[in-house]
Amino acid sequence: MKINGTSSAMSQVRIQGSVATRMNGEASILASEIKLDEARGSNVEAKKEELAELQEKVVAVEAAQMNTLANASKELKEAMQAEQQTEKTDKDTKTDKKDPVSNEKQNENVAEKVHIEETETQDISEQETATYMHVDIRL
């Protein structure tokens, strides 16, 4: 199973989440600074551009995080399906290899039942066609 790959992907998702959270915090601080500077009458164009760039980066990091999660989920599903298929194959193999004598006995029993049914059918048809003459013998 691809647990190691999925585990590393989850670590990457956590790190991306931390980066996105940190960047959102910076964006909030920058937005507050812009409000304060506007109230003071200062020029805020540079800070607004910086805020826009920061918000774009946040969106990019969050998109990367979602992409990493989607890939990890896909890999995990594939690994689980492969594991289930392997278990099913192993179970089938173990059943076949578990007791070959038992499988042979089952095959013999089936063949014997078929033979008995054929014999019974033949006996019934012979009885119907043959007429017996009863003879009494005294000793």
C-alpha atoms as a PDB file:
ATOM      1  CA  MET A   1       0.000   0.000   0.000  1.00  0.00           C
ATOM      2  CA  LYS A   2       1.173   3.555  -0.689  1.00  0.00           C
ATOM      3  CA  ILE A   3       0.997   4.717   2.907  1.00  0.00           C
ATOM      4  CA  ASN A   4       4.366   6.471   2.763  1.00  0.00           C
ATOM      5  CA  GLY A   5       3.370   8.544  -0.262  1.00  0.00           C
ATOM      6  CA  THR A   6       0.018   9.387   1.272  1.00  0.00           C
ATOM      7  CA  SER A   7       1.632  10.232   4.597  1.00  0.00           C
ATOM      8  CA  SER A   8       4.117  12.587   2.967  1.00  0.00           C
ATOM      9  CA  ALA A   9       1.285  14.148   0.957  1.00  0.00           C
ATOM     10  CA  MET A  10      -0.648  14.779   4.173  1.00  0.00           C
ATOM     11  CA  SER A  11       2.452  16.402   5.704  1.00  0.00           C
ATOM     12  CA  GLN A  12       2.712  18.597   2.644  1.00  0.00           C
ATOM     13  CA  VAL A  13      -0.971  19.538   2.985  1.00  0.00           C
ATOM     14  CA  ARG A  14      -0.413  20.537   6.624  1.00  0.00           C
ATOM     15  CA  ILE A  15       2.558  22.694   5.662  1.00  0.00           C
ATOM     16  CA  GLN A  16       0.601  24.312   2.831  1.00  0.00           C
ATOM     17  CA  GLY A  17      -2.221  24.974   5.274  1.00  0.00           C
ATOM     18  CA  SER A  18       0.196  26.630   7.684  1.00  0.00           C
ATOM     19  CA  VAL A  19       1.628  28.795   4.913  1.00  0.00           C
ATOM     20  CA  ALA A  20      -1.874  29.787   3.771  1.00  0.00           C
ATOM     21  CA  THR A  21      -2.870  30.665   7.348  1.00  0.00           C
ATOM     22  CA  ARG A  22       0.274  32.731   7.835  1.00  0.00           C
ATOM     23  CA  MET A  23      -0.293  34.535   4.543  1.00  0.00           C
ATOM     24  CA  ASN A  24      -3.932  35.228   5.466  1.00  0.00           C
ATOM     25  CA  GLY A  25      -2.685  36.728   8.737  1.00  0.00           C
ATOM     26  CA  GLU A  26      -0.258  38.949   6.855  1.00  0.00           C
ATOM     27  CA  ALA A  27      -3.061  39.983   4.480  1.00  0.00           C
ATOM     28  CA  SER A  28      -5.267  40.922   7.437  1.00  0.00           C
ATOM     29  CA  ILE A  29      -2.487  43.005   8.967  1.00  0.00           C
ATOM     30  CA  LEU A  30      -1.821  44.693   5.635  1.00  0.00           C
ATOM     31  CA  ALA A  31      -5.543  45.432   5.184  1.00  0.00           C
ATOM     32  CA  SER A  32      -5.627  47.009   8.652  1.00  0.00           C
ATOM     33  CA  GLU A  33      -2.543  49.109   7.830  1.00  0.00           C
ATOM     34  CA  ILE A  34      -4.216  50.268   4.618  1.00  0.00           C
ATOM     35  CA  LYS A  35      -7.308  51.416   6.550  1.00  0.00           C
ATOM     36  CA  LEU A  36      -5.185  53.274   9.083  1.00  0.00           C
ATOM     37  CA  ASP A  37      -3.025  54.912   6.414  1.00  0.00           C
ATOM     38  CA  GLU A  38      -6.112  55.959   4.423  1.00  0.00           C
ATOM     39  CA  ALA A  39      -7.560  57.530   7.582  1.00  0.00           C
ATOM     40  CA  ARG A  40      -4.324  59.462   8.015  1.00  0.00           C
ATOM     41  CA  GLY A  41      -4.337  60.539   4.379  1.00  0.00           C
ATOM     42  CA  SER A  42      -1.187  58.625   3.396  1.00  0.00           C
ATOM     43  CA  ASN A  43      -0.540  57.066   0.002  1.00  0.00           C
ATOM     44  CA  VAL A  44      -1.675  53.397   0.126  1.00  0.00           C
ATOM     45  CA  GLU A  45      -1.250  52.337  -3.532  1.00  0.00           C
ATOM     46  CA  ALA A  46       1.908  50.300  -2.866  1.00  0.00           C
ATOM     47  CA  LYS A  47       0.274  48.519   0.066  1.00  0.00           C
ATOM     48  CA  LYS A  48      -2.850  47.791  -1.989  1.00  0.00           C
ATOM     49  CA  GLU A  49      -0.682  46.230  -4.723  1.00  0.00           C
ATOM     50  CA  GLU A  50       1.184  44.218  -2.104  1.00  0.00           C
ATOM     51  CA  LEU A  51      -2.153  43.067  -0.617  1.00  0.00           C
ATOM     52  CA  ALA A  52      -3.425  41.994  -4.058  1.00  0.00           C
ATOM     53  CA  GLU A  53      -0.234  40.001  -4.696  1.00  0.00           C
ATOM     54  CA  LEU A  54      -0.455  38.427  -1.250  1.00  0.00           C
ATOM     55  CA  GLN A  55      -4.082  37.429  -1.817  1.00  0.00           C
ATOM     56  CA  GLU A  56      -3.149  35.857  -5.175  1.00  0.00           C
ATOM     57  CA  LYS A  57      -0.419  33.862  -3.443  1.00  0.00           C
ATOM     58  CA  VAL A  58      -2.890  32.726  -0.786  1.00  0.00           C
ATOM     59  CA  VAL A  59      -5.256  31.521  -3.507  1.00  0.00           C
ATOM     60  CA  ALA A  60      -2.379  29.714  -5.241  1.00  0.00           C
ATOM     61  CA  VAL A  61      -1.262  28.025  -2.003  1.00  0.00           C
ATOM     62  CA  GLU A  62      -4.839  26.973  -1.193  1.00  0.00           C
ATOM     63  CA  ALA A  63      -5.265  25.609  -4.734  1.00  0.00           C
ATOM     64  CA  ALA A  64      -2.019  23.659  -4.384  1.00  0.00           C
ATOM     65  CA  GLN A  65      -3.253  22.348  -1.042  1.00  0.00           C
ATOM     66  CA  MET A  66      -6.529  21.163  -2.594  1.00  0.00           C
ATOM     67  CA  ASN A  67      -4.644  19.591  -5.498  1.00  0.00           C
ATOM     68  CA  THR A  68      -2.334  17.752  -3.103  1.00  0.00           C
ATOM     69  CA  LEU A  69      -5.350  16.543  -1.108  1.00  0.00           C
ATOM     70  CA  ALA A  70      -7.080  15.336  -4.265  1.00  0.00           C
ATOM     71  CA  ASN A  71      -3.970  13.443  -5.397  1.00  0.00           C
ATOM     72  CA  ALA A  72      -3.493  11.899  -1.951  1.00  0.00           C
ATOM     73  CA  SER A  73      -7.127  10.851  -1.881  1.00  0.00           C
ATOM     74  CA  LYS A  74      -6.844   9.299  -5.335  1.00  0.00           C
ATOM     75  CA  GLU A  75      -3.657   7.430  -4.393  1.00  0.00           C
ATOM     76  CA  LEU A  76      -5.235   6.189  -1.184  1.00  0.00           C
ATOM     77  CA  LYS A  77      -8.323   4.910  -3.016  1.00  0.00           C
ATOM     78  CA  GLU A  78      -6.153   3.148  -5.588  1.00  0.00           C
ATOM     79  CA  ALA A  79      -4.034   1.615  -2.849  1.00  0.00           C
ATOM     80  CA  MET A  80      -7.128   0.437  -0.993  1.00  0.00           C
ATOM     81  CA  GLN A  81      -8.563  -1.111  -4.156  1.00  0.00           C
ATOM     82  CA  ALA A  82      -5.263  -2.825  -4.888  1.00  0.00           C
ATOM     83  CA  GLU A  83      -5.110  -4.105  -1.302  1.00  0.00           C
ATOM     84  CA  GLN A  84      -8.677  -5.425  -1.505  1.00  0.00           C
ATOM     85  CA  GLN A  85      -7.899  -7.118  -4.809  1.00  0.00           C
ATOM     86  CA  THR A  86      -4.759  -8.659  -3.313  1.00  0.00           C
ATOM     87  CA  GLU A  87      -6.674  -9.887  -0.272  1.00  0.00           C
ATOM     88  CA  LYS A  88      -9.365 -11.383  -2.507  1.00  0.00           C
ATOM     89  CA  THR A  89      -6.751 -13.091  -4.658  1.00  0.00           C
ATOM     90  CA  ASP A  90      -4.925 -14.360  -1.572  1.00  0.00           C
ATOM     91  CA  LYS A  91      -8.175 -15.642  -0.101  1.00  0.00           C
ATOM     92  CA  ASP A  92      -9.049 -17.445  -3.328  1.00  0.00           C
ATOM     93  CA  THR A  93      -5.542 -18.865  -3.548  1.00  0.00           C
ATOM     94  CA  LYS A  94      -5.594 -19.984   0.083  1.00  0.00           C
ATOM     95  CA  THR A  95      -8.958 -21.645  -0.444  1.00  0.00           C
ATOM     96  CA  ASP A  96      -7.595 -23.528  -3.441  1.00  0.00           C
ATOM     97  CA  LYS A  97      -4.309 -24.414  -1.751  1.00  0.00           C
ATOM     98  CA  LYS A  98      -5.688 -24.846   1.738  1.00  0.00           C
ATOM     99  CA  ASP A  99      -6.773 -28.438   1.369  1.00  0.00           C
ATOM    100  CA  PRO A 100      -6.142 -29.960  -2.062  1.00  0.00           C
ATOM    101  CA  VAL A 101      -7.287 -33.341  -0.723  1.00  0.00           C
ATOM    102  CA  SER A 102     -10.574 -31.765   0.305  1.00  0.00           C
ATOM    103  CA  ASN A 103     -10.988 -30.262  -3.167  1.00  0.00           C
ATOM    104  CA  GLU A 104     -10.258 -33.661  -4.730  1.00  0.00           C
ATOM    105  CA  LYS A 105     -12.765 -35.312  -2.385  1.00  0.00           C
ATOM    106  CA  GLN A 106     -15.371 -32.741  -3.336  1.00  0.00           C
ATOM    107  CA  ASN A 107     -14.723 -33.444  -7.008  1.00  0.00           C
ATOM    108  CA  GLU A 108     -14.953 -37.210  -6.369  1.00  0.00           C
ATOM    109  CA  ASN A 109     -18.194 -36.747  -4.424  1.00  0.00           C
ATOM    110  CA  VAL A 110     -19.718 -34.778  -7.280  1.00  0.00           C
ATOM    111  CA  ALA A 111     -18.610 -37.404  -9.791  1.00  0.00           C
ATOM    112  CA  GLU A 112     -19.946 -40.183  -7.565  1.00  0.00           C
ATOM    113  CA  LYS A 113     -23.330 -38.455  -7.207  1.00  0.00           C
ATOM    114  CA  VAL A 114     -23.551 -38.073 -10.965  1.00  0.00           C
ATOM    115  CA  HIS A 115     -22.655 -41.759 -11.417  1.00  0.00           C
ATOM    116  CA  ILE A 116     -25.263 -42.842  -8.823  1.00  0.00           C
ATOM    117  CA  GLU A 117     -27.940 -40.757 -10.509  1.00  0.00           C
ATOM    118  CA  GLU A 118     -27.065 -42.280 -13.891  1.00  0.00           C
ATOM    119  CA  THR A 119     -27.154 -45.807 -12.413  1.00  0.00           C
ATOM    120  CA  GLU A 120     -30.505 -45.180 -10.746  1.00  0.00           C
ATOM    121  CA  THR A 121     -31.907 -43.879 -13.999  1.00  0.00           C
ATOM    122  CA  GLN A 122     -30.661 -46.970 -15.851  1.00  0.00           C
ATOM    123  CA  ASP A 123     -32.083 -49.322 -13.177  1.00  0.00           C
ATOM    124  CA  ILE A 124     -35.489 -47.695 -13.367  1.00  0.00           C
ATOM    125  CA  SER A 125     -35.566 -47.923 -17.149  1.00  0.00           C
ATOM    126  CA  GLU A 126     -34.481 -51.601 -17.065  1.00  0.00           C
ATOM    127  CA  GLN A 127     -37.206 -52.453 -14.541  1.00  0.00           C
ATOM    128  CA  GLU A 128     -39.823 -50.845 -16.688  1.00  0.00           C
ATOM    129  CA  THR A 129     -38.787 -52.703 -19.827  1.00  0.00           C
ATOM    130  CA  ALA A 130     -38.032 -56.129 -18.349  1.00  0.00           C
ATOM    131  CA  THR A 131     -40.895 -58.429 -17.421  1.00  0.00           C
ATOM    132  CA  TYR A 132     -40.189 -61.089 -14.864  1.00  0.00           C
ATOM    133  CA  MET A 133     -41.878 -64.466 -14.748  1.00  0.00           C
ATOM    134  CA  HIS A 134     -42.281 -65.634 -11.203  1.00  0.00           C
ATOM    135  CA  VAL A 135     -41.247 -69.196 -10.538  1.00  0.00           C
ATOM    136  CA  ASP A 136     -41.889 -70.969  -7.261  1.00  0.00           C
ATOM    137  CA  ILE A 137     -39.277 -73.489  -6.307  1.00  0.00           C
ATOM    138  CA  ARG A 138     -39.784 -75.982  -3.521  1.00  0.00           C
ATOM    139  CA  LEU A 139     -36.958 -77.744  -1.916  1.00  0.00           C
END
